[in-house]
Every structure is written in C-alpha cells, then in structure tokens.
Amino acid sequence: MSLRTSAPAPLVVHGRRIVLRTLTEADYESWNEVRHRCRDWLVKWEPRPAGAPYAPEDRRNFANRCAVRERERQMGVGYSFGIFLGPRFIGEVSLSAVQRGPMQSAFIGYWIDEAAAGHGYTPEAVVALLQYCFETLMLHRIEINIIPRNQASLRVVQKIGLRHEGVALRYLEIDGVWEDHSHFAITAEEWAVRAPELVADWLLPRD
C-alpha cells in the first residue's frame, strides 16, 4: 500500500483589500493572461543578460517555477506570493535571498498588472509582507532596489516612506545593460517605531 503525500497548504498573508498567497499550477491561466497583456510594461525592468531569451512562460515552466518557490519556502530561503484582489490575480511580491545568522536580512521585489497600477495595491502588499518579515520571520533588515527611472516602482517605496540609502552603480544587468539601482531599506528597529502608522494606513480596515 502506497502513501500519498499531500501538497503543502498555501501560505496566505492578508492586507486591507488584497491577499498574498503562494502560487500553484492552478493559477497559471490568470498569471499568464496578466503577463501576456502586460509584457511591454514588465519585461523592460526584469534581469536578463544581453542576447538571452526571455524566460519561458508556458504551463510546464510555470509549474516548475511554483515547485522551486515552494522548496525555497520549505527551506526558509525565499517566499513568493501572488497578489490577489478578491479572486483576481494582479501581480506578485517576493522575499528573496533570506540570510540568517548575523545578517537576518532579505530583499523584496514586486510587479503589478498595469491595469491595477496606481490604486495603492503594491504598497499595501509590501507593507503586509514587511509585517510578515519582521513579526513572523523575525528578520532584522529588508532591502528594495529599484532602477532610478522606474517611476512606478519608486512611487511604492515613496508612499510607505522607506529610507533611501543611496545609489548602487551598475548593480544589476537588465535586458543587457548594467543598470544603477536606488537602494532602500528598513530595519526591525525602524519597523517597531513605524509599524502602528504603516499598519493603520495600509492594513487595518477603514471605518
């Protein structure tokens, strides 16, 4: 008699209007629709060496990607979520390169459906993830790096008031160009001071 291992339960983090949930293969159709429709809006900001093909976005590769992300979650080195507005998939937010030991740090990255941009869903998702980082994972420092001319992404960190630490020159290869990145960060000490304001502004229900 064989024993079947059930799939791990999705990880869910709640915002005020949105929900963060780990993605599964069942999310492929909605994910692919947004990626296809917003391709020009998204891929120009994504890491890719010069001449490299775009990452495949077929169902098989999406399923493999979900499996990799689930293994990262089980190992505690990365946490990737779909952003959902009700049943509608509108983007992703991820925590990557989780370091333990003396660093206790990680990086946040995000992207949003162009049709959902400008409504505050991304900063809400980032604040929800920050709360999870500092209050559940007990990390000490979270960083976000953004190409200075990516105004849509910059507005996210500006809306939640993350500290700007400077510009990292030629930090990451984006579509074959070594792009400078503006560097933003928040520590557990800053979160402890700012959490009541950020949670009230972005996560608690409004009267």
C-alpha atoms as a PDB file:
ATOM      1  CA  MET A   1       0.000   0.000   0.000  1.00  0.00           C
ATOM      2  CA  SER A   2       1.461   3.358  -1.046  1.00  0.00           C
ATOM      3  CA  LEU A   3       1.205   6.528   0.985  1.00  0.00           C
ATOM      4  CA  ARG A   4       0.383   9.747  -0.829  1.00  0.00           C
ATOM      5  CA  THR A   5       1.932  12.948   0.433  1.00  0.00           C
ATOM      6  CA  SER A   6      -0.473  15.873   0.349  1.00  0.00           C
ATOM      7  CA  ALA A   7       0.706  19.166  -1.091  1.00  0.00           C
ATOM      8  CA  PRO A   8       1.686  21.814   1.476  1.00  0.00           C
ATOM      9  CA  ALA A   9      -1.077  24.259   2.321  1.00  0.00           C
ATOM     10  CA  PRO A  10      -0.688  27.648   0.618  1.00  0.00           C
ATOM     11  CA  LEU A  11       0.783  30.415   2.735  1.00  0.00           C
ATOM     12  CA  VAL A  12      -1.610  33.372   2.999  1.00  0.00           C
ATOM     13  CA  VAL A  13      -0.938  36.915   4.253  1.00  0.00           C
ATOM     14  CA  HIS A  14      -3.787  39.430   4.470  1.00  0.00           C
ATOM     15  CA  GLY A  15      -3.775  43.122   3.616  1.00  0.00           C
ATOM     16  CA  ARG A  16      -6.730  45.507   3.797  1.00  0.00           C
ATOM     17  CA  ARG A  17      -8.025  44.931   0.254  1.00  0.00           C
ATOM     18  CA  ILE A  18      -5.614  42.376  -1.144  1.00  0.00           C
ATOM     19  CA  VAL A  19      -4.462  38.901  -0.149  1.00  0.00           C
ATOM     20  CA  LEU A  20      -0.987  37.470  -0.668  1.00  0.00           C
ATOM     21  CA  ARG A  21      -0.982  33.757  -1.448  1.00  0.00           C
ATOM     22  CA  THR A  22       1.687  31.358  -2.644  1.00  0.00           C
ATOM     23  CA  LEU A  23       1.032  30.367  -6.255  1.00  0.00           C
ATOM     24  CA  THR A  24       0.249  26.885  -7.554  1.00  0.00           C
ATOM     25  CA  GLU A  25      -0.103  25.441 -11.046  1.00  0.00           C
ATOM     26  CA  ALA A  26      -3.849  26.135 -10.830  1.00  0.00           C
ATOM     27  CA  ASP A  27      -3.041  29.868 -11.040  1.00  0.00           C
ATOM     28  CA  TYR A  28      -1.366  29.537 -14.428  1.00  0.00           C
ATOM     29  CA  GLU A  29      -4.177  30.833 -16.654  1.00  0.00           C
ATOM     30  CA  SER A  30      -4.742  34.049 -14.695  1.00  0.00           C
ATOM     31  CA  TRP A  31      -0.990  34.598 -14.234  1.00  0.00           C
ATOM     32  CA  ASN A  32      -0.292  34.036 -17.933  1.00  0.00           C
ATOM     33  CA  GLU A  33      -3.108  36.376 -19.021  1.00  0.00           C
ATOM     34  CA  VAL A  34      -1.608  39.238 -17.000  1.00  0.00           C
ATOM     35  CA  ARG A  35       1.958  38.502 -18.075  1.00  0.00           C
ATOM     36  CA  HIS A  36       0.963  38.351 -21.753  1.00  0.00           C
ATOM     37  CA  ARG A  37      -1.161  41.508 -21.647  1.00  0.00           C
ATOM     38  CA  CYS A  38       1.438  43.499 -19.669  1.00  0.00           C
ATOM     39  CA  ARG A  39       4.566  42.151 -21.365  1.00  0.00           C
ATOM     40  CA  ASP A  40       5.859  45.544 -22.563  1.00  0.00           C
ATOM     41  CA  TRP A  41       5.069  47.084 -19.156  1.00  0.00           C
ATOM     42  CA  LEU A  42       7.032  44.412 -17.270  1.00  0.00           C
ATOM     43  CA  VAL A  43       9.930  42.810 -19.129  1.00  0.00           C
ATOM     44  CA  LYS A  44      11.946  46.006 -19.661  1.00  0.00           C
ATOM     45  CA  TRP A  45      12.619  46.085 -15.893  1.00  0.00           C
ATOM     46  CA  GLU A  46      13.490  42.410 -15.412  1.00  0.00           C
ATOM     47  CA  PRO A  47      17.027  40.968 -15.081  1.00  0.00           C
ATOM     48  CA  ARG A  48      18.269  39.436 -18.323  1.00  0.00           C
ATOM     49  CA  PRO A  49      21.765  39.199 -19.834  1.00  0.00           C
ATOM     50  CA  ALA A  50      22.395  40.691 -23.274  1.00  0.00           C
ATOM     51  CA  GLY A  51      21.022  38.437 -26.002  1.00  0.00           C
ATOM     52  CA  ALA A  52      19.457  35.978 -23.569  1.00  0.00           C
ATOM     53  CA  PRO A  53      15.993  34.698 -24.470  1.00  0.00           C
ATOM     54  CA  TYR A  54      13.064  35.669 -22.300  1.00  0.00           C
ATOM     55  CA  ALA A  55      12.194  33.093 -19.668  1.00  0.00           C
ATOM     56  CA  PRO A  56       9.591  30.611 -20.970  1.00  0.00           C
ATOM     57  CA  GLU A  57       6.100  31.243 -19.605  1.00  0.00           C
ATOM     58  CA  ASP A  58       4.298  28.045 -20.635  1.00  0.00           C
ATOM     59  CA  ARG A  59       2.360  25.932 -18.129  1.00  0.00           C
ATOM     60  CA  ARG A  60       5.165  23.424 -17.590  1.00  0.00           C
ATOM     61  CA  ASN A  61       7.717  26.089 -16.730  1.00  0.00           C
ATOM     62  CA  PHE A  62       5.209  27.863 -14.500  1.00  0.00           C
ATOM     63  CA  ALA A  63       4.561  24.604 -12.615  1.00  0.00           C
ATOM     64  CA  ASN A  64       8.317  24.066 -12.222  1.00  0.00           C
ATOM     65  CA  ARG A  65       8.679  27.647 -11.003  1.00  0.00           C
ATOM     66  CA  CYS A  66       5.951  27.107  -8.401  1.00  0.00           C
ATOM     67  CA  ALA A  67       7.684  23.915  -7.237  1.00  0.00           C
ATOM     68  CA  VAL A  68      11.023  25.731  -6.883  1.00  0.00           C
ATOM     69  CA  ARG A  69       9.383  28.547  -4.923  1.00  0.00           C
ATOM     70  CA  GLU A  70       7.706  26.009  -2.639  1.00  0.00           C
ATOM     71  CA  ARG A  71      11.058  24.324  -1.951  1.00  0.00           C
ATOM     72  CA  GLU A  72      12.544  27.737  -1.158  1.00  0.00           C
ATOM     73  CA  ARG A  73       9.714  28.355   1.298  1.00  0.00           C
ATOM     74  CA  GLN A  74      10.225  24.981   2.964  1.00  0.00           C
ATOM     75  CA  MET A  75      13.943  25.740   3.326  1.00  0.00           C
ATOM     76  CA  GLY A  76      13.247  29.262   4.602  1.00  0.00           C
ATOM     77  CA  VAL A  77      15.331  30.997   1.919  1.00  0.00           C
ATOM     78  CA  GLY A  78      12.556  32.645  -0.111  1.00  0.00           C
ATOM     79  CA  TYR A  79       8.841  33.461  -0.001  1.00  0.00           C
ATOM     80  CA  SER A  80       6.955  34.343  -3.173  1.00  0.00           C
ATOM     81  CA  PHE A  81       3.305  35.383  -3.298  1.00  0.00           C
ATOM     82  CA  GLY A  82       0.679  36.194  -5.861  1.00  0.00           C
ATOM     83  CA  ILE A  83      -1.230  39.395  -5.126  1.00  0.00           C
ATOM     84  CA  PHE A  84      -4.989  38.822  -5.299  1.00  0.00           C
ATOM     85  CA  LEU A  85      -7.795  41.381  -5.294  1.00  0.00           C
ATOM     86  CA  GLY A  86     -10.714  39.128  -4.422  1.00  0.00           C
ATOM     87  CA  PRO A  87     -10.372  36.204  -6.866  1.00  0.00           C
ATOM     88  CA  ARG A  88      -8.443  38.324  -9.383  1.00  0.00           C
ATOM     89  CA  PHE A  89      -4.674  37.840  -9.741  1.00  0.00           C
ATOM     90  CA  ILE A  90      -2.987  41.243 -10.126  1.00  0.00           C
ATOM     91  CA  GLY A  91       0.746  40.719  -9.539  1.00  0.00           C
ATOM     92  CA  GLU A  92       3.497  39.252  -7.419  1.00  0.00           C
ATOM     93  CA  VAL A  93       5.582  40.233  -4.420  1.00  0.00           C
ATOM     94  CA  SER A  94       8.531  38.173  -3.266  1.00  0.00           C
ATOM     95  CA  LEU A  95      11.074  37.904  -0.487  1.00  0.00           C
ATOM     96  CA  SER A  96      14.367  36.541  -1.773  1.00  0.00           C
ATOM     97  CA  ALA A  97      17.921  35.775  -0.616  1.00  0.00           C
ATOM     98  CA  VAL A  98      16.864  35.305   3.015  1.00  0.00           C
ATOM     99  CA  GLN A  99      20.009  35.307   5.135  1.00  0.00           C
ATOM    100  CA  ARG A 100      20.052  34.065   8.715  1.00  0.00           C
ATOM    101  CA  GLY A 101      22.982  34.045  11.147  1.00  0.00           C
ATOM    102  CA  PRO A 102      24.416  37.502  11.871  1.00  0.00           C
ATOM    103  CA  MET A 103      22.648  39.172   8.911  1.00  0.00           C
ATOM    104  CA  GLN A 104      18.953  38.245   9.249  1.00  0.00           C
ATOM    105  CA  SER A 105      18.153  40.081   6.009  1.00  0.00           C
ATOM    106  CA  ALA A 106      16.352  39.690   2.691  1.00  0.00           C
ATOM    107  CA  PHE A 107      15.241  41.552  -0.447  1.00  0.00           C
ATOM    108  CA  ILE A 108      11.719  42.411  -1.580  1.00  0.00           C
ATOM    109  CA  GLY A 109      10.736  42.602  -5.250  1.00  0.00           C
ATOM    110  CA  TYR A 110       7.340  43.207  -6.845  1.00  0.00           C
ATOM    111  CA  TRP A 111       5.381  43.716 -10.042  1.00  0.00           C
ATOM    112  CA  ILE A 112       1.767  44.653 -10.723  1.00  0.00           C
ATOM    113  CA  ASP A 113      -0.771  44.344 -13.532  1.00  0.00           C
ATOM    114  CA  GLU A 114      -0.676  47.634 -15.461  1.00  0.00           C
ATOM    115  CA  ALA A 115      -4.486  47.812 -15.209  1.00  0.00           C
ATOM    116  CA  ALA A 116      -4.237  47.691 -11.391  1.00  0.00           C
ATOM    117  CA  ALA A 117      -1.387  50.201 -11.023  1.00  0.00           C
ATOM    118  CA  GLY A 118      -1.967  53.491  -9.240  1.00  0.00           C
ATOM    119  CA  HIS A 119      -4.511  52.206  -6.700  1.00  0.00           C
ATOM    120  CA  GLY A 120      -2.113  51.515  -3.826  1.00  0.00           C
ATOM    121  CA  TYR A 121      -2.279  47.725  -4.098  1.00  0.00           C
ATOM    122  CA  THR A 122       1.503  47.287  -4.360  1.00  0.00           C
ATOM    123  CA  PRO A 123       2.447  49.376  -1.303  1.00  0.00           C
ATOM    124  CA  GLU A 124      -0.287  47.541   0.601  1.00  0.00           C
ATOM    125  CA  ALA A 125       1.269  44.220  -0.458  1.00  0.00           C
ATOM    126  CA  VAL A 126       4.748  45.410   0.535  1.00  0.00           C
ATOM    127  CA  VAL A 127       3.578  46.550   3.988  1.00  0.00           C
ATOM    128  CA  ALA A 128       1.792  43.209   4.510  1.00  0.00           C
ATOM    129  CA  LEU A 129       4.986  41.388   3.580  1.00  0.00           C
ATOM    130  CA  LEU A 130       7.098  43.657   5.810  1.00  0.00           C
ATOM    131  CA  GLN A 131       4.849  42.808   8.746  1.00  0.00           C
ATOM    132  CA  TYR A 132       5.316  39.108   7.975  1.00  0.00           C
ATOM    133  CA  CYS A 133       9.099  39.597   7.674  1.00  0.00           C
ATOM    134  CA  PHE A 134       9.567  41.397  10.968  1.00  0.00           C
ATOM    135  CA  GLU A 135       6.831  39.850  13.129  1.00  0.00           C
ATOM    136  CA  THR A 136       6.732  36.235  11.893  1.00  0.00           C
ATOM    137  CA  LEU A 137      10.098  35.522  10.273  1.00  0.00           C
ATOM    138  CA  MET A 138      11.836  37.828  12.773  1.00  0.00           C
ATOM    139  CA  LEU A 139      14.228  39.257  10.188  1.00  0.00           C
ATOM    140  CA  HIS A 140      16.271  42.350  11.000  1.00  0.00           C
ATOM    141  CA  ARG A 141      16.712  44.172   7.678  1.00  0.00           C
ATOM    142  CA  ILE A 142      14.767  44.296   4.405  1.00  0.00           C
ATOM    143  CA  GLU A 143      16.079  45.946   1.228  1.00  0.00           C
ATOM    144  CA  ILE A 144      14.447  47.011  -2.051  1.00  0.00           C
ATOM    145  CA  ASN A 145      16.470  48.017  -5.122  1.00  0.00           C
ATOM    146  CA  ILE A 146      14.908  49.999  -7.989  1.00  0.00           C
ATOM    147  CA  ILE A 147      16.166  51.434 -11.282  1.00  0.00           C
ATOM    148  CA  PRO A 148      16.004  55.226 -10.724  1.00  0.00           C
ATOM    149  CA  ARG A 149      13.956  55.844 -13.879  1.00  0.00           C
ATOM    150  CA  ASN A 150      11.341  53.246 -12.919  1.00  0.00           C
ATOM    151  CA  GLN A 151       8.924  55.807 -11.539  1.00  0.00           C
ATOM    152  CA  ALA A 152       6.089  53.341 -10.931  1.00  0.00           C
ATOM    153  CA  SER A 153       8.260  51.206  -8.634  1.00  0.00           C
ATOM    154  CA  LEU A 154       9.740  54.255  -6.907  1.00  0.00           C
ATOM    155  CA  ARG A 155       6.271  55.505  -6.005  1.00  0.00           C
ATOM    156  CA  VAL A 156       5.723  52.322  -3.980  1.00  0.00           C
ATOM    157  CA  VAL A 157       8.638  52.937  -1.597  1.00  0.00           C
ATOM    158  CA  GLN A 158       7.877  56.664  -1.511  1.00  0.00           C
ATOM    159  CA  LYS A 159       4.277  56.023  -0.461  1.00  0.00           C
ATOM    160  CA  ILE A 160       5.374  53.917   2.503  1.00  0.00           C
ATOM    161  CA  GLY A 161       8.359  56.126   3.298  1.00  0.00           C
ATOM    162  CA  LEU A 162      11.236  53.673   3.137  1.00  0.00           C
ATOM    163  CA  ARG A 163      14.668  55.086   3.882  1.00  0.00           C
ATOM    164  CA  HIS A 164      16.818  55.831   0.828  1.00  0.00           C
ATOM    165  CA  GLU A 165      20.416  54.709   1.349  1.00  0.00           C
ATOM    166  CA  GLY A 166      21.929  55.833  -1.955  1.00  0.00           C
ATOM    167  CA  VAL A 167      22.548  54.539  -5.466  1.00  0.00           C
ATOM    168  CA  ALA A 168      24.392  51.318  -6.277  1.00  0.00           C
ATOM    169  CA  LEU A 169      26.219  51.877  -9.567  1.00  0.00           C
ATOM    170  CA  ARG A 170      25.845  49.253 -12.307  1.00  0.00           C
ATOM    171  CA  TYR A 171      24.150  46.989  -9.778  1.00  0.00           C
ATOM    172  CA  LEU A 172      22.195  44.547 -11.954  1.00  0.00           C
ATOM    173  CA  GLU A 173      22.055  43.538 -15.615  1.00  0.00           C
ATOM    174  CA  ILE A 174      18.652  44.465 -17.030  1.00  0.00           C
ATOM    175  CA  ASP A 175      17.990  43.484 -20.635  1.00  0.00           C
ATOM    176  CA  GLY A 176      21.727  43.517 -21.346  1.00  0.00           C
ATOM    177  CA  VAL A 177      22.519  46.840 -19.609  1.00  0.00           C
ATOM    178  CA  TRP A 178      24.211  47.152 -16.211  1.00  0.00           C
ATOM    179  CA  GLU A 179      21.727  49.485 -14.557  1.00  0.00           C
ATOM    180  CA  ASP A 180      22.223  51.676 -11.474  1.00  0.00           C
ATOM    181  CA  HIS A 181      19.719  50.978  -8.678  1.00  0.00           C
ATOM    182  CA  SER A 182      18.385  53.213  -5.925  1.00  0.00           C
ATOM    183  CA  HIS A 183      18.746  51.395  -2.627  1.00  0.00           C
ATOM    184  CA  PHE A 184      16.010  51.477   0.033  1.00  0.00           C
ATOM    185  CA  ALA A 185      15.922  49.702   3.383  1.00  0.00           C
ATOM    186  CA  ILE A 186      14.076  49.308   6.659  1.00  0.00           C
ATOM    187  CA  THR A 187      15.294  47.595   9.843  1.00  0.00           C
ATOM    188  CA  ALA A 188      13.438  45.896  12.671  1.00  0.00           C
ATOM    189  CA  GLU A 189      14.125  48.920  14.874  1.00  0.00           C
ATOM    190  CA  GLU A 190      12.513  51.229  12.307  1.00  0.00           C
ATOM    191  CA  TRP A 191       9.595  48.835  11.882  1.00  0.00           C
ATOM    192  CA  ALA A 192       8.961  48.822  15.641  1.00  0.00           C
ATOM    193  CA  VAL A 193       8.595  52.617  15.545  1.00  0.00           C
ATOM    194  CA  ARG A 194       6.661  52.862  12.282  1.00  0.00           C
ATOM    195  CA  ALA A 195       4.505  49.711  12.435  1.00  0.00           C
ATOM    196  CA  PRO A 196       1.443  51.346  14.082  1.00  0.00           C
ATOM    197  CA  GLU A 197       1.371  54.033  11.361  1.00  0.00           C
ATOM    198  CA  LEU A 198       2.031  51.671   8.447  1.00  0.00           C
ATOM    199  CA  VAL A 199      -0.430  49.037   9.633  1.00  0.00           C
ATOM    200  CA  ALA A 200      -3.132  51.651  10.220  1.00  0.00           C
ATOM    201  CA  ASP A 201      -2.517  53.309   6.840  1.00  0.00           C
ATOM    202  CA  TRP A 202      -2.342  50.155   4.737  1.00  0.00           C
ATOM    203  CA  LEU A 203      -3.630  47.040   6.520  1.00  0.00           C
ATOM    204  CA  LEU A 204      -6.363  47.785   9.062  1.00  0.00           C
ATOM    205  CA  PRO A 205      -9.966  48.081   7.863  1.00  0.00           C
ATOM    206  CA  ARG A 206     -11.171  51.640   7.448  1.00  0.00           C
ATOM    207  CA  ASP A 207     -14.178  52.814   9.407  1.00  0.00           C
END
